[in-house]
Amino acid sequence: MRVDALLFRDFLSYATAVEVRVGTLLTIVYDVTPGKPRVAYYKLSSSPKVDLRPGDQVVKAYDVKYTITLDRSDNSLLVNAPLCSLNVLFRPPPGSGAVAEQTKTPGVAITVKRDCIVPNSLLGYPAALCAKPSCTDKGLGVYQRENRLDTGELAALLAWLKSKTKQTGGSQCAAAMETFNNVCNTRALSTQAVNACGPIFSSHIIKCVAKRFDIVELFTRCITAICSQDQGKCSKLDNEVKQAKCSVPTLTARCRTIT
């Protein structure tokens, strides 16, 4: 998969854990879930886990060098692989980890300027750093157009929902993925649901709805209503959002098309 700039900042702005995997070669985990012990480590293939410490740590996996930088002053984890022109930046929201308040935007940002030169035979997935079904040579832009999605961020969200991979974000994330794959069983429904419900995670909407709703639960209710074509559920959810003095215009518009 070739991706020039893939931003998860908006719809992952509530996340408190990230797991970066390069096939089966390298796993990097940073988890600062409130109320749980901090977890930060990397693991090479079948080798034991190595705890991450503040500062730079350099590891090598099949001739590709990775620099892992843990900065607890602003709760960030940066993974860099110059050979692949790869950068993965993760920063949890305020209140998690060591920082009570922080001014920088939380979320995940991934940039890849060219394909990583790692033989596919060494990888546990079709390609490094991507989730099915978006692991194709077409790239994110083509995937977005094929699925008629409004933005690249929504294309990334659809790829995640369809990936069916084990989630580190908790049972709600797994439930959202399972619900999506059970009820959104056609490309048309998948497109409608992601275009209508995905903007819930955008920065300007999530700031409002997060005050009154559990975000992942709200998203799951949204995709259920859209994909089941249940006008009653859709209108009820839309009215609840409006009563909370918030607005999700894409949800409102889609509800009007369900008869």
Protein backbone atom coordinates (compact mmCIF):
# COMPACT_ATOMS: atom_id res chain seq x y z
CA MET A 1 0.00 0.00 0.00
CA ARG A 2 1.32 3.42 -0.91
CA VAL A 3 0.05 6.37 1.10
CA ASP A 4 1.36 9.92 0.79
CA ALA A 5 -0.35 11.37 3.86
CA LEU A 6 -2.88 9.53 5.98
CA LEU A 7 -4.29 11.43 8.95
CA PHE A 8 -6.26 9.67 11.68
CA ARG A 9 -6.19 12.75 13.90
CA ASP A 10 -9.92 13.48 13.92
CA PHE A 11 -11.55 10.10 14.37
CA LEU A 12 -8.87 8.77 16.74
CA SER A 13 -8.63 11.87 18.90
CA TYR A 14 -10.09 9.94 21.85
CA ALA A 15 -7.71 6.95 21.61
CA THR A 16 -5.35 6.17 24.50
CA ALA A 17 -3.46 3.27 22.89
CA VAL A 18 -1.71 2.52 19.63
CA GLU A 19 -0.14 -0.62 18.20
CA VAL A 20 2.16 -0.28 15.20
CA ARG A 21 2.89 -3.55 13.40
CA VAL A 22 5.21 -4.21 10.50
CA GLY A 23 3.88 -7.63 9.49
CA THR A 24 5.20 -10.17 11.98
CA LEU A 25 8.61 -8.51 12.14
CA LEU A 26 8.12 -5.68 14.61
CA THR A 27 5.40 -4.68 17.06
CA ILE A 28 5.40 -1.35 18.91
CA VAL A 29 2.82 -0.66 21.61
CA TYR A 30 2.07 2.51 23.57
CA ASP A 31 -0.91 2.32 25.95
CA VAL A 32 -1.67 5.01 28.53
CA THR A 33 -5.27 4.08 29.31
CA PRO A 34 -6.33 5.95 32.48
CA GLY A 35 -6.53 3.69 35.52
CA LYS A 36 -4.26 1.05 34.02
CA PRO A 37 -0.48 0.59 34.20
CA ARG A 38 1.36 2.39 31.45
CA VAL A 39 2.50 0.04 28.67
CA ALA A 40 5.23 1.05 26.24
CA TYR A 41 7.37 -1.55 24.49
CA TYR A 42 8.63 -2.97 21.23
CA LYS A 43 8.98 -6.60 20.24
CA LEU A 44 10.99 -8.13 17.38
CA SER A 45 9.47 -11.35 15.95
CA SER A 46 9.65 -14.00 18.69
CA SER A 47 12.07 -12.03 20.89
CA PRO A 48 11.04 -10.85 24.38
CA LYS A 49 9.41 -7.47 24.84
CA VAL A 50 11.70 -4.49 25.40
CA ASP A 51 10.30 -1.66 27.51
CA LEU A 52 10.47 1.75 25.87
CA ARG A 53 12.14 4.55 27.81
CA PRO A 54 12.03 8.29 27.13
CA GLY A 55 14.23 9.31 24.23
CA ASP A 56 15.33 7.50 21.07
CA GLN A 57 15.57 3.75 20.64
CA VAL A 58 16.89 2.30 17.39
CA VAL A 59 15.90 -1.21 16.30
CA LYS A 60 16.56 -3.12 13.08
CA ALA A 61 14.20 -5.58 11.40
CA TYR A 62 15.45 -7.28 8.23
CA ASP A 63 17.78 -4.44 7.23
CA VAL A 64 15.18 -1.73 7.88
CA LYS A 65 16.14 0.60 10.73
CA TYR A 66 13.38 2.04 12.93
CA THR A 67 13.83 4.90 15.38
CA ILE A 68 11.26 4.89 18.18
CA THR A 69 11.01 8.12 20.15
CA LEU A 70 8.99 8.25 23.37
CA ASP A 71 8.36 11.74 24.73
CA ARG A 72 6.44 11.64 27.99
CA SER A 73 6.51 15.42 28.34
CA ASP A 74 3.72 15.65 25.75
CA ASN A 75 2.56 12.01 25.73
CA SER A 76 3.81 11.28 22.22
CA LEU A 77 5.25 8.27 20.43
CA LEU A 78 7.06 8.71 17.09
CA VAL A 79 8.14 5.81 14.87
CA ASN A 80 10.44 6.67 11.96
CA ALA A 81 11.87 4.44 9.20
CA PRO A 82 13.94 6.58 6.80
CA LEU A 83 14.34 3.77 4.24
CA CYS A 84 10.56 3.71 3.82
CA SER A 85 10.12 7.46 4.28
CA LEU A 86 7.75 6.43 7.07
CA ASN A 87 6.59 8.40 10.10
CA VAL A 88 3.94 7.34 12.62
CA LEU A 89 3.05 9.87 15.31
CA PHE A 90 0.64 9.09 18.16
CA ARG A 91 -0.45 11.43 20.94
CA PRO A 92 -3.24 10.46 23.41
CA PRO A 93 -5.78 13.03 24.62
CA PRO A 94 -5.23 15.22 27.71
CA GLY A 95 -5.63 13.41 31.01
CA SER A 96 -4.01 10.15 29.91
CA GLY A 97 -0.49 9.07 30.75
CA ALA A 98 1.85 11.48 32.46
CA VAL A 99 0.34 14.71 31.18
CA ALA A 100 -2.83 16.12 32.75
CA GLU A 101 -3.21 18.89 30.17
CA GLN A 102 -1.56 19.38 26.81
CA THR A 103 -2.01 21.97 24.09
CA LYS A 104 -1.06 19.82 21.08
CA THR A 105 -3.76 17.99 19.12
CA PRO A 106 -4.16 14.31 20.04
CA GLY A 107 -4.56 11.57 17.47
CA VAL A 108 -2.54 9.53 14.99
CA ALA A 109 -0.77 10.74 11.85
CA ILE A 110 0.91 8.44 9.34
CA THR A 111 3.00 9.48 6.35
CA VAL A 112 4.54 7.13 3.81
CA LYS A 113 6.23 8.63 0.74
CA ARG A 114 7.11 5.37 -0.98
CA ASP A 115 6.73 1.62 -0.59
CA CYS A 116 8.75 -0.01 2.15
CA ILE A 117 11.35 -2.40 0.73
CA VAL A 118 10.56 -5.51 2.77
CA PRO A 119 9.90 -8.87 1.04
CA ASN A 120 6.23 -9.81 1.28
CA SER A 121 7.25 -13.36 2.20
CA LEU A 122 8.46 -12.02 5.54
CA LEU A 123 5.21 -10.28 6.41
CA GLY A 124 2.17 -11.58 8.22
CA TYR A 125 -0.11 -9.26 6.23
CA PRO A 126 -0.30 -8.58 2.47
CA ALA A 127 1.79 -5.45 2.99
CA ALA A 128 3.29 -3.49 5.83
CA LEU A 129 1.30 -1.00 7.88
CA CYS A 130 -2.09 -1.48 6.30
CA ALA A 131 -5.30 -3.31 7.04
CA LYS A 132 -7.41 -5.37 4.65
CA PRO A 133 -9.12 -4.61 2.32
CA SER A 134 -7.09 -1.44 1.61
CA CYS A 135 -3.85 -3.37 1.11
CA THR A 136 -3.68 -2.95 -2.63
CA ASP A 137 -1.27 -1.32 -5.01
CA LYS A 138 -3.98 1.21 -5.89
CA GLY A 139 -3.46 3.39 -2.82
CA LEU A 140 -5.87 5.26 -0.60
CA GLY A 141 -7.06 7.74 -3.25
CA VAL A 142 -8.27 5.00 -5.59
CA TYR A 143 -9.84 3.15 -2.64
CA GLN A 144 -11.69 6.34 -1.74
CA ARG A 145 -12.99 6.83 -5.28
CA GLU A 146 -13.97 3.18 -5.73
CA ASN A 147 -16.09 3.33 -2.57
CA ARG A 148 -17.44 6.83 -3.32
CA LEU A 149 -16.29 8.23 0.00
CA ASP A 150 -16.21 11.95 0.66
CA THR A 151 -12.68 12.19 2.14
CA GLY A 152 -9.46 10.24 2.54
CA GLU A 153 -10.07 10.08 6.27
CA LEU A 154 -13.37 8.29 5.65
CA ALA A 155 -11.59 5.88 3.31
CA ALA A 156 -9.14 5.07 6.10
CA LEU A 157 -12.07 4.58 8.49
CA LEU A 158 -13.78 2.18 6.07
CA ALA A 159 -10.56 0.20 5.66
CA TRP A 160 -10.26 -0.10 9.44
CA LEU A 161 -13.89 -1.21 9.83
CA LYS A 162 -13.46 -3.90 7.19
CA SER A 163 -10.07 -5.08 8.41
CA LYS A 164 -11.51 -7.45 11.08
CA THR A 165 -8.19 -7.35 12.91
CA LYS A 166 -7.88 -7.64 16.68
CA GLN A 167 -8.39 -4.24 18.28
CA THR A 168 -6.36 -2.73 21.10
CA GLY A 169 -8.84 0.07 21.76
CA GLY A 170 -11.23 -1.98 23.90
CA SER A 171 -14.43 -3.96 23.46
CA GLN A 172 -16.41 -1.01 22.07
CA CYS A 173 -14.08 -0.69 19.09
CA ALA A 174 -14.38 -4.41 18.41
CA ALA A 175 -18.18 -4.17 18.76
CA ALA A 176 -18.34 -1.28 16.29
CA MET A 177 -16.31 -3.27 13.78
CA GLU A 178 -18.46 -6.39 14.25
CA THR A 179 -21.69 -4.43 13.93
CA PHE A 180 -20.50 -2.76 10.75
CA ASN A 181 -19.53 -6.04 9.09
CA ASN A 182 -22.82 -7.67 10.13
CA VAL A 183 -25.28 -5.01 9.03
CA CYS A 184 -23.44 -3.08 6.30
CA ASN A 185 -23.31 -6.04 3.95
CA THR A 186 -23.20 -4.23 0.60
CA ARG A 187 -20.81 -1.63 -0.81
CA ALA A 188 -23.68 0.85 -1.16
CA LEU A 189 -24.67 0.52 2.51
CA SER A 190 -21.04 0.70 3.65
CA THR A 191 -20.54 3.91 1.69
CA GLN A 192 -23.74 5.47 3.01
CA ALA A 193 -22.91 4.56 6.62
CA VAL A 194 -19.32 5.82 6.57
CA ASN A 195 -20.19 9.05 4.73
CA ALA A 196 -23.07 9.71 7.14
CA CYS A 197 -21.56 8.56 10.43
CA GLY A 198 -17.80 8.99 9.97
CA PRO A 199 -17.92 12.79 10.39
CA ILE A 200 -18.95 12.19 14.03
CA PHE A 201 -15.20 11.79 14.63
CA SER A 202 -14.25 15.06 12.92
CA SER A 203 -12.72 17.65 15.23
CA HIS A 204 -15.50 20.25 14.96
CA ILE A 205 -18.29 17.71 15.69
CA ILE A 206 -16.63 15.48 18.26
CA LYS A 207 -15.98 18.45 20.57
CA CYS A 208 -19.73 18.85 20.93
CA VAL A 209 -21.09 15.30 20.91
CA ALA A 210 -18.38 13.98 23.26
CA LYS A 211 -19.91 16.10 26.05
CA ARG A 212 -23.18 14.14 25.94
CA PHE A 213 -22.45 10.80 24.25
CA ASP A 214 -20.05 7.91 24.27
CA ILE A 215 -18.49 8.52 20.85
CA VAL A 216 -17.96 4.92 19.76
CA GLU A 217 -21.45 3.94 20.94
CA LEU A 218 -22.93 6.90 19.05
CA PHE A 219 -21.09 5.86 15.91
CA THR A 220 -22.25 2.24 16.30
CA ARG A 221 -25.88 3.33 16.70
CA CYS A 222 -25.49 5.52 13.62
CA ILE A 223 -24.15 2.79 11.32
CA THR A 224 -26.81 0.39 12.63
CA ALA A 225 -29.60 2.83 11.75
CA ILE A 226 -28.18 3.63 8.31
CA CYS A 227 -27.33 0.07 7.25
CA SER A 228 -30.60 -1.40 8.52
CA GLN A 229 -32.42 1.44 6.71
CA ASP A 230 -34.44 2.05 9.86
CA GLN A 231 -35.93 5.53 9.52
CA GLY A 232 -37.25 5.48 13.09
CA LYS A 233 -33.85 4.72 14.64
CA CYS A 234 -32.17 7.22 12.35
CA SER A 235 -34.54 10.07 13.18
CA LYS A 236 -34.43 9.26 16.90
CA LEU A 237 -30.63 9.41 16.91
CA ASP A 238 -30.59 12.60 14.85
CA ASN A 239 -33.07 14.23 17.27
CA GLU A 240 -30.99 13.18 20.30
CA VAL A 241 -27.94 14.83 18.76
CA LYS A 242 -29.88 18.00 18.03
CA GLN A 243 -31.35 18.04 21.57
CA ALA A 244 -27.78 17.99 22.85
CA LYS A 245 -27.34 21.22 20.80
CA CYS A 246 -25.00 19.46 18.39
CA SER A 247 -25.25 18.79 14.67
CA VAL A 248 -24.14 16.02 12.34
CA PRO A 249 -25.37 17.32 8.95
CA THR A 250 -24.41 14.15 7.07
CA LEU A 251 -26.55 12.07 9.44
CA THR A 252 -29.50 14.45 9.11
CA ALA A 253 -29.27 14.36 5.32
CA ARG A 254 -29.05 10.57 5.13
CA CYS A 255 -32.01 10.09 7.52
CA ARG A 256 -34.17 12.11 5.14
CA THR A 257 -33.48 9.65 2.33
CA ILE A 258 -34.65 6.60 4.29
CA THR A 259 -38.32 5.81 3.75
